[in-house]
Amino acid sequence: MADRDATLQLVTFQLGEELYGIDIMDVKEIVRVQEIRPIPNAPAYVEGLFKLREFIIPIINLHKRFHLKKAQLDEDEELLSGFIILDIDGMKIGIIIDKIERVISIEFNQIQPPPQMLSGIGAEYIQGVVKQNDSYLIIIDTQKLFTAKELQKIDEIRR
């Protein structure tokens, strides 16, 4: 990341009851919910594969990964559901989100270290938190979402 006086642009989204953010530089694109082809014997958090143009993209269900309940959305909010396509170590991986929010800029000095446990997500996956009104924006560190072994398994599934 840039120097500490700079700002960080985040793509924010709802997952369960919490608001999360991912560095915009890790986001390749955001797509609406599409049909996913299930893969037998895949890890429980791998929903399946999704074809986007010439790419076969594994789709990860963060609800299952982090043991979160899906958000209760109304019909209009359902239209904002979809996948965020990330680039993790050169591999495109999609994550299911309940609702896309917006792109925001925050200053690095606003980011606080993550609490040890936050809504089921371990601190090892969190880059930091930003206090917003009476809640927190949780910044996910996409480079730590999966171990090297998990990435290898996901890549094998994709092939």
C-alpha atoms as a PDB file:
ATOM      1  CA  MET A   1       0.000   0.000   0.000  1.00  0.00           C
ATOM      2  CA  ALA A   2       0.951   3.615  -0.336  1.00  0.00           C
ATOM      3  CA  ASP A   3       2.425   5.799   2.378  1.00  0.00           C
ATOM      4  CA  ARG A   4       0.528   6.379   5.613  1.00  0.00           C
ATOM      5  CA  ASP A   5      -0.713   9.873   4.658  1.00  0.00           C
ATOM      6  CA  ALA A   6      -2.537   8.520   1.617  1.00  0.00           C
ATOM      7  CA  THR A   7      -6.084   7.322   1.298  1.00  0.00           C
ATOM      8  CA  LEU A   8      -7.341   3.836   0.584  1.00  0.00           C
ATOM      9  CA  GLN A   9     -10.229   3.262  -1.798  1.00  0.00           C
ATOM     10  CA  LEU A  10     -12.510   0.444  -0.733  1.00  0.00           C
ATOM     11  CA  VAL A  11     -15.323  -1.400  -2.450  1.00  0.00           C
ATOM     12  CA  THR A  12     -17.848  -1.856   0.356  1.00  0.00           C
ATOM     13  CA  PHE A  13     -20.480  -4.572   0.612  1.00  0.00           C
ATOM     14  CA  GLN A  14     -22.822  -6.215   3.062  1.00  0.00           C
ATOM     15  CA  LEU A  15     -22.235  -9.785   4.166  1.00  0.00           C
ATOM     16  CA  GLY A  16     -24.634 -10.968   6.817  1.00  0.00           C
ATOM     17  CA  GLU A  17     -25.299  -8.106   9.198  1.00  0.00           C
ATOM     18  CA  GLU A  18     -21.904  -6.408   8.776  1.00  0.00           C
ATOM     19  CA  LEU A  19     -20.382  -3.969   6.304  1.00  0.00           C
ATOM     20  CA  TYR A  20     -17.076  -5.022   4.758  1.00  0.00           C
ATOM     21  CA  GLY A  21     -14.552  -3.367   2.493  1.00  0.00           C
ATOM     22  CA  ILE A  22     -11.934  -4.646   0.075  1.00  0.00           C
ATOM     23  CA  ASP A  23      -9.092  -2.627  -1.435  1.00  0.00           C
ATOM     24  CA  ILE A  24     -10.326  -1.539  -4.868  1.00  0.00           C
ATOM     25  CA  MET A  25      -6.968  -2.603  -6.350  1.00  0.00           C
ATOM     26  CA  ASP A  26      -7.829  -6.252  -5.547  1.00  0.00           C
ATOM     27  CA  VAL A  27     -11.241  -6.044  -7.248  1.00  0.00           C
ATOM     28  CA  LYS A  28     -11.341  -6.975 -10.930  1.00  0.00           C
ATOM     29  CA  GLU A  29     -15.080  -6.547 -11.377  1.00  0.00           C
ATOM     30  CA  ILE A  30     -18.495  -6.898  -9.796  1.00  0.00           C
ATOM     31  CA  VAL A  31     -21.114  -9.074 -11.471  1.00  0.00           C
ATOM     32  CA  ARG A  32     -24.739  -9.867 -10.756  1.00  0.00           C
ATOM     33  CA  VAL A  33     -25.673 -13.295  -9.460  1.00  0.00           C
ATOM     34  CA  GLN A  34     -25.269 -15.874 -12.192  1.00  0.00           C
ATOM     35  CA  GLU A  35     -25.703 -19.616 -12.379  1.00  0.00           C
ATOM     36  CA  ILE A  36     -22.940 -21.503 -10.609  1.00  0.00           C
ATOM     37  CA  ARG A  37     -21.979 -25.049 -11.599  1.00  0.00           C
ATOM     38  CA  PRO A  38     -21.496 -27.097  -8.417  1.00  0.00           C
ATOM     39  CA  ILE A  39     -18.311 -29.133  -8.061  1.00  0.00           C
ATOM     40  CA  PRO A  40     -18.434 -32.515  -6.294  1.00  0.00           C
ATOM     41  CA  ASN A  41     -15.968 -33.065  -3.441  1.00  0.00           C
ATOM     42  CA  ALA A  42     -15.006 -29.379  -3.269  1.00  0.00           C
ATOM     43  CA  PRO A  43     -14.446 -27.760   0.137  1.00  0.00           C
ATOM     44  CA  ALA A  44     -17.770 -26.723   1.712  1.00  0.00           C
ATOM     45  CA  TYR A  45     -17.108 -23.012   1.173  1.00  0.00           C
ATOM     46  CA  VAL A  46     -16.569 -23.460  -2.609  1.00  0.00           C
ATOM     47  CA  GLU A  47     -20.008 -22.966  -4.195  1.00  0.00           C
ATOM     48  CA  GLY A  48     -18.831 -24.024  -7.640  1.00  0.00           C
ATOM     49  CA  LEU A  49     -17.588 -22.571 -10.905  1.00  0.00           C
ATOM     50  CA  PHE A  50     -18.839 -19.642 -12.943  1.00  0.00           C
ATOM     51  CA  LYS A  51     -17.879 -18.821 -16.528  1.00  0.00           C
ATOM     52  CA  LEU A  52     -17.151 -15.155 -17.176  1.00  0.00           C
ATOM     53  CA  ARG A  53     -16.137 -14.567 -20.792  1.00  0.00           C
ATOM     54  CA  GLU A  54     -13.085 -16.821 -21.309  1.00  0.00           C
ATOM     55  CA  PHE A  55     -12.403 -17.322 -17.592  1.00  0.00           C
ATOM     56  CA  ILE A  56     -13.564 -20.171 -15.354  1.00  0.00           C
ATOM     57  CA  ILE A  57     -13.880 -18.597 -11.902  1.00  0.00           C
ATOM     58  CA  PRO A  58     -14.267 -20.497  -8.630  1.00  0.00           C
ATOM     59  CA  ILE A  59     -16.993 -18.944  -6.482  1.00  0.00           C
ATOM     60  CA  ILE A  60     -16.419 -18.829  -2.729  1.00  0.00           C
ATOM     61  CA  ASN A  61     -19.249 -18.551  -0.238  1.00  0.00           C
ATOM     62  CA  LEU A  62     -17.922 -16.373   2.594  1.00  0.00           C
ATOM     63  CA  HIS A  63     -21.091 -17.086   4.583  1.00  0.00           C
ATOM     64  CA  LYS A  64     -19.993 -20.717   4.829  1.00  0.00           C
ATOM     65  CA  ARG A  65     -16.317 -19.848   5.240  1.00  0.00           C
ATOM     66  CA  PHE A  66     -16.981 -17.537   8.179  1.00  0.00           C
ATOM     67  CA  HIS A  67     -20.182 -19.159   9.519  1.00  0.00           C
ATOM     68  CA  LEU A  68     -22.325 -16.080   8.835  1.00  0.00           C
ATOM     69  CA  LYS A  69     -26.052 -15.892   8.204  1.00  0.00           C
ATOM     70  CA  LYS A  70     -27.202 -14.384   4.917  1.00  0.00           C
ATOM     71  CA  ALA A  71     -28.568 -10.864   5.188  1.00  0.00           C
ATOM     72  CA  GLN A  72     -32.337 -10.433   5.092  1.00  0.00           C
ATOM     73  CA  LEU A  73     -32.862  -8.266   2.014  1.00  0.00           C
ATOM     74  CA  ASP A  74     -35.963  -6.813   0.411  1.00  0.00           C
ATOM     75  CA  GLU A  75     -36.649  -7.190  -3.328  1.00  0.00           C
ATOM     76  CA  ASP A  76     -34.858  -3.989  -4.336  1.00  0.00           C
ATOM     77  CA  GLU A  77     -31.789  -4.880  -2.277  1.00  0.00           C
ATOM     78  CA  GLU A  78     -31.696  -8.376  -3.848  1.00  0.00           C
ATOM     79  CA  LEU A  79     -30.883  -6.628  -7.142  1.00  0.00           C
ATOM     80  CA  LEU A  80     -27.607  -5.505  -5.551  1.00  0.00           C
ATOM     81  CA  SER A  81     -26.509  -9.074  -4.763  1.00  0.00           C
ATOM     82  CA  GLY A  82     -23.773 -10.696  -6.778  1.00  0.00           C
ATOM     83  CA  PHE A  83     -20.123 -11.672  -6.929  1.00  0.00           C
ATOM     84  CA  ILE A  84     -16.994  -9.623  -6.461  1.00  0.00           C
ATOM     85  CA  ILE A  85     -14.245 -10.984  -8.700  1.00  0.00           C
ATOM     86  CA  LEU A  86     -10.887 -10.710  -6.940  1.00  0.00           C
ATOM     87  CA  ASP A  87      -7.351 -11.236  -8.124  1.00  0.00           C
ATOM     88  CA  ILE A  88      -5.545 -13.279  -5.481  1.00  0.00           C
ATOM     89  CA  ASP A  89      -1.985 -14.282  -6.371  1.00  0.00           C
ATOM     90  CA  GLY A  90      -2.800 -13.989 -10.073  1.00  0.00           C
ATOM     91  CA  MET A  91      -5.914 -16.192  -9.821  1.00  0.00           C
ATOM     92  CA  LYS A  92      -9.408 -14.830 -10.352  1.00  0.00           C
ATOM     93  CA  ILE A  93     -11.726 -15.886  -7.507  1.00  0.00           C
ATOM     94  CA  GLY A  94     -15.310 -14.774  -6.990  1.00  0.00           C
ATOM     95  CA  ILE A  95     -16.856 -14.167  -3.593  1.00  0.00           C
ATOM     96  CA  ILE A  96     -20.592 -14.101  -3.005  1.00  0.00           C
ATOM     97  CA  ILE A  97     -21.857 -10.912  -1.392  1.00  0.00           C
ATOM     98  CA  ASP A  98     -25.306 -10.113  -0.035  1.00  0.00           C
ATOM     99  CA  LYS A  99     -25.371  -6.539  -1.308  1.00  0.00           C
ATOM    100  CA  ILE A 100     -22.874  -4.216  -2.964  1.00  0.00           C
ATOM    101  CA  GLU A 101     -22.710  -0.814  -1.292  1.00  0.00           C
ATOM    102  CA  ARG A 102     -20.334   1.763  -2.781  1.00  0.00           C
ATOM    103  CA  VAL A 103     -16.728   2.796  -3.264  1.00  0.00           C
ATOM    104  CA  ILE A 104     -15.403   4.974  -0.457  1.00  0.00           C
ATOM    105  CA  SER A 105     -12.091   6.608   0.340  1.00  0.00           C
ATOM    106  CA  ILE A 106     -10.689   6.423   3.843  1.00  0.00           C
ATOM    107  CA  GLU A 107      -7.485   7.766   5.273  1.00  0.00           C
ATOM    108  CA  PHE A 108      -4.983   5.250   6.596  1.00  0.00           C
ATOM    109  CA  ASN A 109      -4.955   6.951   9.998  1.00  0.00           C
ATOM    110  CA  GLN A 110      -8.665   6.069  10.392  1.00  0.00           C
ATOM    111  CA  ILE A 111      -7.909   2.344  10.250  1.00  0.00           C
ATOM    112  CA  GLN A 112      -7.710   0.669  13.645  1.00  0.00           C
ATOM    113  CA  PRO A 113      -6.287  -2.790  14.317  1.00  0.00           C
ATOM    114  CA  PRO A 114      -8.920  -5.525  14.259  1.00  0.00           C
ATOM    115  CA  PRO A 115     -10.384  -6.881  17.476  1.00  0.00           C
ATOM    116  CA  GLN A 116      -9.467 -10.527  18.135  1.00  0.00           C
ATOM    117  CA  MET A 117     -12.868 -11.810  17.051  1.00  0.00           C
ATOM    118  CA  LEU A 118     -15.417  -9.886  15.055  1.00  0.00           C
ATOM    119  CA  SER A 119     -18.726 -11.425  13.949  1.00  0.00           C
ATOM    120  CA  GLY A 120     -17.280 -14.846  13.295  1.00  0.00           C
ATOM    121  CA  ILE A 121     -14.381 -13.684  11.163  1.00  0.00           C
ATOM    122  CA  GLY A 122     -10.960 -14.258  12.672  1.00  0.00           C
ATOM    123  CA  ALA A 123      -8.575 -11.334  12.989  1.00  0.00           C
ATOM    124  CA  GLU A 124      -6.134 -13.066  10.615  1.00  0.00           C
ATOM    125  CA  TYR A 125      -8.433 -12.172   7.668  1.00  0.00           C
ATOM    126  CA  ILE A 126      -8.911  -8.553   8.691  1.00  0.00           C
ATOM    127  CA  GLN A 127      -6.642  -5.685   7.697  1.00  0.00           C
ATOM    128  CA  GLY A 128      -8.381  -3.316  10.085  1.00  0.00           C
ATOM    129  CA  VAL A 129     -11.630  -1.657  11.044  1.00  0.00           C
ATOM    130  CA  VAL A 130     -12.940   1.856  10.544  1.00  0.00           C
ATOM    131  CA  LYS A 131     -15.497   3.338  12.939  1.00  0.00           C
ATOM    132  CA  GLN A 132     -18.526   4.624  11.047  1.00  0.00           C
ATOM    133  CA  ASN A 133     -21.360   6.283  12.951  1.00  0.00           C
ATOM    134  CA  ASP A 134     -22.392   3.612  15.458  1.00  0.00           C
ATOM    135  CA  SER A 135     -20.900   0.588  13.658  1.00  0.00           C
ATOM    136  CA  TYR A 136     -17.686  -0.569  12.020  1.00  0.00           C
ATOM    137  CA  LEU A 137     -16.517  -1.107   8.480  1.00  0.00           C
ATOM    138  CA  ILE A 138     -14.403  -4.266   8.454  1.00  0.00           C
ATOM    139  CA  ILE A 139     -11.563  -4.219   5.919  1.00  0.00           C
ATOM    140  CA  ILE A 140     -10.784  -7.698   4.597  1.00  0.00           C
ATOM    141  CA  ASP A 141      -7.212  -8.546   3.655  1.00  0.00           C
ATOM    142  CA  THR A 142      -7.839 -10.536   0.467  1.00  0.00           C
ATOM    143  CA  GLN A 143      -4.258 -11.810   0.396  1.00  0.00           C
ATOM    144  CA  LYS A 144      -4.886 -13.639   3.682  1.00  0.00           C
ATOM    145  CA  LEU A 145      -8.340 -15.052   2.868  1.00  0.00           C
ATOM    146  CA  PHE A 146      -6.837 -18.366   1.790  1.00  0.00           C
ATOM    147  CA  THR A 147      -3.743 -20.324   2.718  1.00  0.00           C
ATOM    148  CA  ALA A 148      -1.359 -21.403  -0.045  1.00  0.00           C
ATOM    149  CA  LYS A 149      -2.742 -24.940   0.295  1.00  0.00           C
ATOM    150  CA  GLU A 150      -6.345 -23.705  -0.074  1.00  0.00           C
ATOM    151  CA  LEU A 151      -5.415 -21.621  -3.133  1.00  0.00           C
ATOM    152  CA  GLN A 152      -3.779 -24.676  -4.669  1.00  0.00           C
ATOM    153  CA  LYS A 153      -6.936 -26.741  -4.055  1.00  0.00           C
ATOM    154  CA  ILE A 154      -9.150 -23.984  -5.499  1.00  0.00           C
ATOM    155  CA  ASP A 155      -6.883 -23.759  -8.562  1.00  0.00           C
ATOM    156  CA  GLU A 156      -7.132 -27.554  -9.058  1.00  0.00           C
ATOM    157  CA  ILE A 157     -10.934 -27.323  -8.877  1.00  0.00           C
ATOM    158  CA  ARG A 158     -10.897 -24.537 -11.471  1.00  0.00           C
ATOM    159  CA  ARG A 159      -9.001 -26.677 -13.964  1.00  0.00           C
END
